Every structure is written in C-alpha cells, then in structure tokens.
C-alpha cells in the first residue's frame, strides 16, 4: 500500500458516469490520487491484479449477488480495503457486504466531501483488522507448536524415563545443535515415534 506521502491508488467500480464523477472529485479535491475506473465487478480480481490499488471503491444502486461475489474473490490473498457506496440497501446488504470483505458500507450517503474521510477510515479499519488477523494466526501457530512440544516431551518422558524438565532440555539442546526451532525437532520426534509404534 502507498504511504501517506505517495499517491493513493484507487480502483473505482461504478457503471454510472455521474456518480463516478462525484467519487473522483471527492478523491482529487482531497489530495493526490491515481484512479482507475471499471464499469462492472466482472473481472474485478484481474483489475486488482493489474492496477494494485490501495483501496477499492464500489458505487452502485444496491449490492447484487454478482458484485458481492466479485468482492469475495478480491478479499482473499489480494485483500484490499473496500468501500461500498449504495443508493438503496438490500435485505441483509450490510451483513453480506461485510462477509464479502467490505470495510465500509455507506447507504445513500454519496457526497464528494465525504468520500476521502470514508476511504481513510476504511483503510485504517482494514489495516487494524489485518493486524488482528496476523496476531490471531501467530497465536494459533504458537499454540499448535506448544502442543507438539508437550506431546514430544511426553514421549521422551515415557520412553526414556526423563522428567518433564529433562525432556524439554533434551529437545531444546537438540534444536540448538541442529539450528532448528524446537517445535520442528518435537514434530520430527513424534513422526519417528509414530513410525516405530507401527
């Protein structure tokens, strides 16, 4: 993503020229930005690949299934903050939009003066959410690694008659000698123990 001093790269999805102009004016008036516009959500993933935007703005009458599916594709590995301006809310529209990866969902609130503040909030919320996702993934990974180490200690305690501390120190020493993480040594030990168990 661009830093604050760089141009904001915006991918605008809007079939309506008049509405698109409002969004473009709001962005240009508030600072330097580079805007790429597509008229439909079809091929949105490819447009994100080519343009590599900092944010995607979708402006439509109401969120339909096709646009939400396109948003879902974008919210995977090429995730970007997404702002959706809609003229009319659909039943369950906000919930479906959030599930599709939308960071800000604005109903009947398109005005050029509001565009940049909404975009800035969406980017900040997206970055915060991404940070939380990374922390969660790390916590899950750390927990899984600890479980593997605990199981390996149990195998060593049972097979070699070691205390818990001795088993841990043996795993730790082996990891240091081999220059590998302790959970990897523990995982290898469990794989060998399983193989020998038959």
Foldseek 3Di string as FASTA:
>chain_A
DDDPVDAAEEEEAAQDPVLVVQLVLLRVVVDHHHYHYDDHLVCVLVVCVVRVGQEYEYEEQEDDPSNLVSLLVCCPPVRHAYAYEHADYDVCRVVSNVVSPHQYYHYNDRGSNCNVVRVVNSSVSVVVVVVVVVVVVVVVVVVVLVVLLVVLLVVCCVPVVDDSVVSNVVLVVVCVVVVHDSSVSSNVSVVVVVVVVD
